[in-house]
Amino acid sequence: MKKNVFIASLAFALFFSCNCSFASHDIENLSAKEAIQKLKQGNKRFISNKAQHPDESKERKKEMLKGQHPFVVILSCSDSRVPPELIFDQGLGDIFEIRNAGNVLNEHVIGSIEYAVMHCGVKLIVIMGHQDCGAIAATLSGVSETKYIQALEDSIKPAIEDCKCKGLEINSDNVVKAHVMQDIKELLEQDIDLVKYMDKHNVKIVPAYYHLDSGRVDFMKLDK
């Protein structure tokens, strides 16, 4: 009996220590500046058809069994033409990726971002929209096929209103970019705990726009 208790206690201690080793305050992760530079370098390789496809080796796969240590969390559209690992030329364990149609923000997305930042040590949050986004086009059309698609469109509509308020032409590109900014604004307004954590641990958030035609990613400036 005592032997079983000892084994159980030892297993629990090992489990606890392994999981705690991946708490963000114990990880010496890339800084936000280093992370965005790594993304830019990878995107440059992708554009020039010189992708290296890093972190795909057998050794990397074994390393991933120990836990994840991504250097960035990216919220992007689930459009099949916009895979973050490919357009930034990254590999296994590099990107904590959150995708849905129209890169809309909801409580599940916010929780996922929190997890990446607070538990995986990520210092950079990227919210990325893209050229010719179908979810944006559907919202602009004013036609909702189902209540669930309507839910997506309802999350995007504030971006249209923002364009109107700023006197911008109501087209896909402008609404995509406004929607990215809206996502960031809502995230920072809704999640006070995350904002406090970001301030304390020097976590940055940046908006981005992906060009389907060229493969280029533009990192934009935040609205003031």
C-alpha atoms as a PDB file:
ATOM      1  CA  MET A   1       0.000   0.000   0.000  1.00  0.00           C
ATOM      2  CA  LYS A   2       2.762   2.414   0.981  1.00  0.00           C
ATOM      3  CA  LYS A   3       4.629   1.527  -2.219  1.00  0.00           C
ATOM      4  CA  ASN A   4       1.560   2.343  -4.330  1.00  0.00           C
ATOM      5  CA  VAL A   5       1.072   5.655  -2.542  1.00  0.00           C
ATOM      6  CA  PHE A   6       4.732   6.543  -3.116  1.00  0.00           C
ATOM      7  CA  ILE A   7       4.517   5.709  -6.831  1.00  0.00           C
ATOM      8  CA  ALA A   8       1.312   7.726  -7.214  1.00  0.00           C
ATOM      9  CA  SER A   9       2.867  10.689  -5.398  1.00  0.00           C
ATOM     10  CA  LEU A  10       5.987  10.518  -7.542  1.00  0.00           C
ATOM     11  CA  ALA A  11       3.935  10.362 -10.746  1.00  0.00           C
ATOM     12  CA  PHE A  12       1.885  13.375  -9.649  1.00  0.00           C
ATOM     13  CA  ALA A  13       5.028  15.348  -8.793  1.00  0.00           C
ATOM     14  CA  LEU A  14       6.575  14.569 -12.173  1.00  0.00           C
ATOM     15  CA  PHE A  15       3.356  15.481 -13.987  1.00  0.00           C
ATOM     16  CA  PHE A  16       3.059  18.748 -12.078  1.00  0.00           C
ATOM     17  CA  SER A  17       6.676  19.733 -12.662  1.00  0.00           C
ATOM     18  CA  CYS A  18       6.460  18.954 -16.397  1.00  0.00           C
ATOM     19  CA  ASN A  19       3.358  21.050 -16.844  1.00  0.00           C
ATOM     20  CA  CYS A  20       4.670  23.915 -14.749  1.00  0.00           C
ATOM     21  CA  SER A  21       7.828  24.007 -16.827  1.00  0.00           C
ATOM     22  CA  PHE A  22       5.694  25.335 -19.652  1.00  0.00           C
ATOM     23  CA  ALA A  23       4.129  28.180 -17.667  1.00  0.00           C
ATOM     24  CA  SER A  24       4.927  31.440 -19.423  1.00  0.00           C
ATOM     25  CA  HIS A  25       6.927  33.015 -16.588  1.00  0.00           C
ATOM     26  CA  ASP A  26       9.374  30.074 -16.743  1.00  0.00           C
ATOM     27  CA  ILE A  27       9.938  30.275 -20.498  1.00  0.00           C
ATOM     28  CA  GLU A  28      12.623  32.370 -22.123  1.00  0.00           C
ATOM     29  CA  ASN A  29      10.664  32.886 -25.317  1.00  0.00           C
ATOM     30  CA  LEU A  30      11.431  35.145 -28.260  1.00  0.00           C
ATOM     31  CA  SER A  31      10.634  38.799 -27.618  1.00  0.00           C
ATOM     32  CA  ALA A  32       7.835  40.373 -29.640  1.00  0.00           C
ATOM     33  CA  LYS A  33      10.435  42.150 -31.776  1.00  0.00           C
ATOM     34  CA  GLU A  34      12.334  38.916 -32.444  1.00  0.00           C
ATOM     35  CA  ALA A  35       9.105  37.058 -33.176  1.00  0.00           C
ATOM     36  CA  ILE A  36       7.852  39.546 -35.762  1.00  0.00           C
ATOM     37  CA  GLN A  37      11.284  39.564 -37.410  1.00  0.00           C
ATOM     38  CA  LYS A  38      11.147  35.774 -37.658  1.00  0.00           C
ATOM     39  CA  LEU A  39       7.724  36.006 -39.304  1.00  0.00           C
ATOM     40  CA  LYS A  40       8.950  38.616 -41.769  1.00  0.00           C
ATOM     41  CA  GLN A  41      11.972  36.525 -42.710  1.00  0.00           C
ATOM     42  CA  GLY A  42       9.788  33.453 -43.225  1.00  0.00           C
ATOM     43  CA  ASN A  43       7.298  35.388 -45.343  1.00  0.00           C
ATOM     44  CA  LYS A  44      10.140  36.743 -47.465  1.00  0.00           C
ATOM     45  CA  ARG A  45      11.286  33.166 -48.137  1.00  0.00           C
ATOM     46  CA  PHE A  46       7.718  32.152 -49.024  1.00  0.00           C
ATOM     47  CA  ILE A  47       7.297  35.032 -51.482  1.00  0.00           C
ATOM     48  CA  SER A  48      10.593  34.264 -53.219  1.00  0.00           C
ATOM     49  CA  ASN A  49       9.841  30.505 -53.405  1.00  0.00           C
ATOM     50  CA  LYS A  50      12.803  29.751 -51.142  1.00  0.00           C
ATOM     51  CA  ALA A  51      10.885  28.189 -48.253  1.00  0.00           C
ATOM     52  CA  GLN A  52      13.004  26.109 -45.893  1.00  0.00           C
ATOM     53  CA  HIS A  53      10.110  24.207 -44.245  1.00  0.00           C
ATOM     54  CA  PRO A  54      11.821  24.242 -40.832  1.00  0.00           C
ATOM     55  CA  ASP A  55      10.999  22.150 -37.769  1.00  0.00           C
ATOM     56  CA  GLU A  56       9.628  19.117 -39.630  1.00  0.00           C
ATOM     57  CA  SER A  57      12.359  16.602 -38.756  1.00  0.00           C
ATOM     58  CA  LYS A  58      11.985  13.361 -36.843  1.00  0.00           C
ATOM     59  CA  GLU A  59      13.882  14.973 -33.967  1.00  0.00           C
ATOM     60  CA  ARG A  60      11.441  17.892 -33.933  1.00  0.00           C
ATOM     61  CA  LYS A  61       8.493  15.506 -33.711  1.00  0.00           C
ATOM     62  CA  LYS A  62      10.063  13.811 -30.685  1.00  0.00           C
ATOM     63  CA  GLU A  63      10.789  17.201 -29.130  1.00  0.00           C
ATOM     64  CA  MET A  64       7.121  18.115 -29.443  1.00  0.00           C
ATOM     65  CA  LEU A  65       6.188  15.230 -27.126  1.00  0.00           C
ATOM     66  CA  LYS A  66       7.714  17.213 -24.256  1.00  0.00           C
ATOM     67  CA  GLY A  67       5.335  20.140 -24.744  1.00  0.00           C
ATOM     68  CA  GLN A  68       4.739  23.121 -26.973  1.00  0.00           C
ATOM     69  CA  HIS A  69       6.750  26.302 -27.106  1.00  0.00           C
ATOM     70  CA  PRO A  70       5.337  28.481 -29.937  1.00  0.00           C
ATOM     71  CA  PHE A  71       6.818  31.936 -30.493  1.00  0.00           C
ATOM     72  CA  VAL A  72       3.617  33.590 -31.754  1.00  0.00           C
ATOM     73  CA  VAL A  73      -0.167  33.232 -31.583  1.00  0.00           C
ATOM     74  CA  ILE A  74      -1.990  34.074 -34.802  1.00  0.00           C
ATOM     75  CA  LEU A  75      -5.724  34.590 -35.235  1.00  0.00           C
ATOM     76  CA  SER A  76      -6.486  34.310 -38.944  1.00  0.00           C
ATOM     77  CA  CYS A  77      -9.225  33.304 -41.355  1.00  0.00           C
ATOM     78  CA  SER A  78      -9.808  29.591 -41.946  1.00  0.00           C
ATOM     79  CA  ASP A  79      -9.702  30.218 -45.710  1.00  0.00           C
ATOM     80  CA  SER A  80      -7.745  27.318 -47.221  1.00  0.00           C
ATOM     81  CA  ARG A  81      -5.560  29.793 -49.105  1.00  0.00           C
ATOM     82  CA  VAL A  82      -4.247  31.366 -45.891  1.00  0.00           C
ATOM     83  CA  PRO A  83      -2.262  28.744 -43.903  1.00  0.00           C
ATOM     84  CA  PRO A  84       0.022  30.629 -41.464  1.00  0.00           C
ATOM     85  CA  GLU A  85       2.697  27.920 -41.288  1.00  0.00           C
ATOM     86  CA  LEU A  86       3.178  28.076 -45.052  1.00  0.00           C
ATOM     87  CA  ILE A  87       3.017  31.821 -45.646  1.00  0.00           C
ATOM     88  CA  PHE A  88       5.449  32.427 -42.764  1.00  0.00           C
ATOM     89  CA  ASP A  89       7.544  29.331 -43.575  1.00  0.00           C
ATOM     90  CA  GLN A  90       7.360  27.866 -40.071  1.00  0.00           C
ATOM     91  CA  GLY A  91       6.976  24.322 -38.781  1.00  0.00           C
ATOM     92  CA  LEU A  92       5.791  22.091 -35.965  1.00  0.00           C
ATOM     93  CA  GLY A  93       5.402  23.868 -32.655  1.00  0.00           C
ATOM     94  CA  ASP A  94       6.226  27.338 -34.013  1.00  0.00           C
ATOM     95  CA  ILE A  95       2.779  28.932 -34.329  1.00  0.00           C
ATOM     96  CA  PHE A  96      -0.149  28.748 -31.907  1.00  0.00           C
ATOM     97  CA  GLU A  97      -2.805  29.017 -34.577  1.00  0.00           C
ATOM     98  CA  ILE A  98      -6.453  30.048 -34.161  1.00  0.00           C
ATOM     99  CA  ARG A  99      -8.586  30.055 -37.312  1.00  0.00           C
ATOM    100  CA  ASN A 100     -12.227  30.598 -38.161  1.00  0.00           C
ATOM    101  CA  ALA A 101     -14.134  32.085 -41.087  1.00  0.00           C
ATOM    102  CA  GLY A 102     -13.495  35.821 -41.080  1.00  0.00           C
ATOM    103  CA  ASN A 103     -11.087  35.655 -38.101  1.00  0.00           C
ATOM    104  CA  VAL A 104     -13.921  36.684 -35.780  1.00  0.00           C
ATOM    105  CA  LEU A 105     -13.418  37.185 -32.069  1.00  0.00           C
ATOM    106  CA  ASN A 106     -15.495  35.325 -29.476  1.00  0.00           C
ATOM    107  CA  GLU A 107     -15.005  34.008 -25.960  1.00  0.00           C
ATOM    108  CA  HIS A 108     -13.434  30.765 -27.198  1.00  0.00           C
ATOM    109  CA  VAL A 109     -10.932  32.660 -29.324  1.00  0.00           C
ATOM    110  CA  ILE A 110     -10.104  34.973 -26.431  1.00  0.00           C
ATOM    111  CA  GLY A 111      -9.574  31.972 -24.150  1.00  0.00           C
ATOM    112  CA  SER A 112      -7.278  30.412 -26.729  1.00  0.00           C
ATOM    113  CA  ILE A 113      -5.231  33.611 -26.991  1.00  0.00           C
ATOM    114  CA  GLU A 114      -4.998  33.743 -23.199  1.00  0.00           C
ATOM    115  CA  TYR A 115      -3.724  30.169 -23.147  1.00  0.00           C
ATOM    116  CA  ALA A 116      -1.031  30.868 -25.727  1.00  0.00           C
ATOM    117  CA  VAL A 117       0.165  33.945 -23.867  1.00  0.00           C
ATOM    118  CA  MET A 118      -0.189  32.872 -20.245  1.00  0.00           C
ATOM    119  CA  HIS A 119       0.735  29.192 -20.538  1.00  0.00           C
ATOM    120  CA  CYS A 120       2.983  28.943 -23.590  1.00  0.00           C
ATOM    121  CA  GLY A 121       4.997  32.104 -23.073  1.00  0.00           C
ATOM    122  CA  VAL A 122       4.063  33.746 -26.375  1.00  0.00           C
ATOM    123  CA  LYS A 123       5.168  37.394 -26.544  1.00  0.00           C
ATOM    124  CA  LEU A 124       3.513  38.295 -29.868  1.00  0.00           C
ATOM    125  CA  ILE A 125      -0.164  38.232 -30.850  1.00  0.00           C
ATOM    126  CA  VAL A 126      -0.983  38.673 -34.543  1.00  0.00           C
ATOM    127  CA  ILE A 127      -4.507  39.282 -35.850  1.00  0.00           C
ATOM    128  CA  MET A 128      -4.457  38.742 -39.612  1.00  0.00           C
ATOM    129  CA  GLY A 129      -7.061  39.389 -42.297  1.00  0.00           C
ATOM    130  CA  HIS A 130      -6.599  38.711 -45.986  1.00  0.00           C
ATOM    131  CA  GLN A 131      -7.411  39.811 -49.502  1.00  0.00           C
ATOM    132  CA  ASP A 132     -10.676  38.542 -51.022  1.00  0.00           C
ATOM    133  CA  CYS A 133     -12.072  37.230 -47.720  1.00  0.00           C
ATOM    134  CA  GLY A 134     -15.276  35.264 -48.318  1.00  0.00           C
ATOM    135  CA  ALA A 135     -16.717  36.058 -44.899  1.00  0.00           C
ATOM    136  CA  ILE A 136     -16.273  39.771 -45.552  1.00  0.00           C
ATOM    137  CA  ALA A 137     -17.821  39.421 -49.022  1.00  0.00           C
ATOM    138  CA  ALA A 138     -20.824  37.600 -47.557  1.00  0.00           C
ATOM    139  CA  THR A 139     -21.303  40.339 -44.976  1.00  0.00           C
ATOM    140  CA  LEU A 140     -21.101  43.044 -47.628  1.00  0.00           C
ATOM    141  CA  SER A 141     -23.674  41.206 -49.749  1.00  0.00           C
ATOM    142  CA  GLY A 142     -26.259  41.458 -46.985  1.00  0.00           C
ATOM    143  CA  VAL A 143     -27.394  37.880 -47.633  1.00  0.00           C
ATOM    144  CA  SER A 144     -27.277  35.346 -44.788  1.00  0.00           C
ATOM    145  CA  GLU A 145     -27.787  31.699 -45.743  1.00  0.00           C
ATOM    146  CA  THR A 146     -28.105  30.318 -42.190  1.00  0.00           C
ATOM    147  CA  LYS A 147     -28.269  31.608 -38.648  1.00  0.00           C
ATOM    148  CA  TYR A 148     -24.695  30.475 -38.057  1.00  0.00           C
ATOM    149  CA  ILE A 149     -23.336  32.360 -41.035  1.00  0.00           C
ATOM    150  CA  GLN A 150     -25.404  35.286 -39.807  1.00  0.00           C
ATOM    151  CA  ALA A 151     -23.558  35.050 -36.483  1.00  0.00           C
ATOM    152  CA  LEU A 152     -20.249  35.431 -38.316  1.00  0.00           C
ATOM    153  CA  GLU A 153     -21.551  38.388 -40.292  1.00  0.00           C
ATOM    154  CA  ASP A 154     -22.869  40.087 -37.148  1.00  0.00           C
ATOM    155  CA  SER A 155     -19.318  40.019 -35.784  1.00  0.00           C
ATOM    156  CA  ILE A 156     -18.013  41.672 -38.941  1.00  0.00           C
ATOM    157  CA  LYS A 157     -20.671  44.378 -39.406  1.00  0.00           C
ATOM    158  CA  PRO A 158     -19.096  46.823 -36.887  1.00  0.00           C
ATOM    159  CA  ALA A 159     -16.113  47.054 -39.257  1.00  0.00           C
ATOM    160  CA  ILE A 160     -18.414  48.306 -42.004  1.00  0.00           C
ATOM    161  CA  GLU A 161     -19.784  50.965 -39.701  1.00  0.00           C
ATOM    162  CA  ASP A 162     -16.242  51.940 -38.740  1.00  0.00           C
ATOM    163  CA  CYS A 163     -15.367  52.474 -42.411  1.00  0.00           C
ATOM    164  CA  LYS A 164     -18.456  54.645 -42.825  1.00  0.00           C
ATOM    165  CA  CYS A 165     -17.534  56.744 -39.792  1.00  0.00           C
ATOM    166  CA  LYS A 166     -14.030  57.300 -41.189  1.00  0.00           C
ATOM    167  CA  GLY A 167     -15.316  58.188 -44.642  1.00  0.00           C
ATOM    168  CA  LEU A 168     -13.657  55.177 -46.258  1.00  0.00           C
ATOM    169  CA  GLU A 169     -14.993  53.427 -49.328  1.00  0.00           C
ATOM    170  CA  ILE A 170     -16.992  50.358 -48.361  1.00  0.00           C
ATOM    171  CA  ASN A 171     -15.004  47.704 -50.176  1.00  0.00           C
ATOM    172  CA  SER A 172     -13.515  44.355 -49.216  1.00  0.00           C
ATOM    173  CA  ASP A 173      -9.963  45.538 -48.496  1.00  0.00           C
ATOM    174  CA  ASN A 174     -11.032  48.411 -46.262  1.00  0.00           C
ATOM    175  CA  VAL A 175     -13.519  46.293 -44.340  1.00  0.00           C
ATOM    176  CA  VAL A 176     -11.003  43.456 -43.875  1.00  0.00           C
ATOM    177  CA  LYS A 177      -8.476  45.863 -42.374  1.00  0.00           C
ATOM    178  CA  ALA A 178     -11.109  47.599 -40.250  1.00  0.00           C
ATOM    179  CA  HIS A 179     -12.285  44.215 -38.991  1.00  0.00           C
ATOM    180  CA  VAL A 180      -8.764  43.297 -37.883  1.00  0.00           C
ATOM    181  CA  MET A 181      -8.547  46.560 -35.949  1.00  0.00           C
ATOM    182  CA  GLN A 182     -11.998  45.896 -34.489  1.00  0.00           C
ATOM    183  CA  ASP A 183     -10.843  42.457 -33.296  1.00  0.00           C
ATOM    184  CA  ILE A 184      -7.885  44.013 -31.509  1.00  0.00           C
ATOM    185  CA  LYS A 185      -9.993  46.758 -29.957  1.00  0.00           C
ATOM    186  CA  GLU A 186     -12.553  44.264 -28.655  1.00  0.00           C
ATOM    187  CA  LEU A 187      -9.875  41.931 -27.306  1.00  0.00           C
ATOM    188  CA  LEU A 188      -8.156  44.682 -25.345  1.00  0.00           C
ATOM    189  CA  GLU A 189     -11.461  46.086 -24.070  1.00  0.00           C
ATOM    190  CA  GLN A 190     -13.011  42.771 -23.077  1.00  0.00           C
ATOM    191  CA  ASP A 191     -10.053  40.969 -21.535  1.00  0.00           C
ATOM    192  CA  ILE A 192      -8.654  43.142 -18.757  1.00  0.00           C
ATOM    193  CA  ASP A 193      -6.717  40.210 -17.290  1.00  0.00           C
ATOM    194  CA  LEU A 194      -4.923  39.678 -20.582  1.00  0.00           C
ATOM    195  CA  VAL A 195      -4.108  43.380 -20.905  1.00  0.00           C
ATOM    196  CA  LYS A 196      -2.571  43.430 -17.434  1.00  0.00           C
ATOM    197  CA  TYR A 197      -0.550  40.334 -18.241  1.00  0.00           C
ATOM    198  CA  MET A 198       0.609  41.829 -21.546  1.00  0.00           C
ATOM    199  CA  ASP A 199       1.794  44.985 -19.826  1.00  0.00           C
ATOM    200  CA  LYS A 200       3.661  43.054 -17.149  1.00  0.00           C
ATOM    201  CA  HIS A 201       5.344  40.576 -19.510  1.00  0.00           C
ATOM    202  CA  ASN A 202       5.946  42.860 -22.500  1.00  0.00           C
ATOM    203  CA  VAL A 203       3.538  41.062 -24.835  1.00  0.00           C
ATOM    204  CA  LYS A 204       2.682  42.937 -28.036  1.00  0.00           C
ATOM    205  CA  ILE A 205      -0.239  42.720 -30.468  1.00  0.00           C
ATOM    206  CA  VAL A 206      -0.040  43.639 -34.139  1.00  0.00           C
ATOM    207  CA  PRO A 207      -2.539  43.722 -37.039  1.00  0.00           C
ATOM    208  CA  ALA A 208      -1.632  42.129 -40.366  1.00  0.00           C
ATOM    209  CA  TYR A 209      -2.989  41.809 -43.900  1.00  0.00           C
ATOM    210  CA  TYR A 210      -2.200  38.951 -46.299  1.00  0.00           C
ATOM    211  CA  HIS A 211      -2.136  39.521 -50.064  1.00  0.00           C
ATOM    212  CA  LEU A 212      -3.346  36.416 -51.884  1.00  0.00           C
ATOM    213  CA  ASP A 213      -1.951  37.584 -55.206  1.00  0.00           C
ATOM    214  CA  SER A 214       1.644  38.101 -54.061  1.00  0.00           C
ATOM    215  CA  GLY A 215       1.890  36.088 -50.837  1.00  0.00           C
ATOM    216  CA  ARG A 216       3.083  39.184 -48.973  1.00  0.00           C
ATOM    217  CA  VAL A 217       2.028  39.941 -45.414  1.00  0.00           C
ATOM    218  CA  ASP A 218       1.815  43.592 -44.389  1.00  0.00           C
ATOM    219  CA  PHE A 219       2.120  44.330 -40.683  1.00  0.00           C
ATOM    220  CA  MET A 220      -0.003  47.402 -40.052  1.00  0.00           C
ATOM    221  CA  LYS A 221       0.065  50.079 -37.386  1.00  0.00           C
ATOM    222  CA  LEU A 222      -2.515  49.999 -34.632  1.00  0.00           C
ATOM    223  CA  ASP A 223      -5.268  52.577 -34.653  1.00  0.00           C
ATOM    224  CA  LYS A 224      -4.771  55.245 -32.016  1.00  0.00           C
END
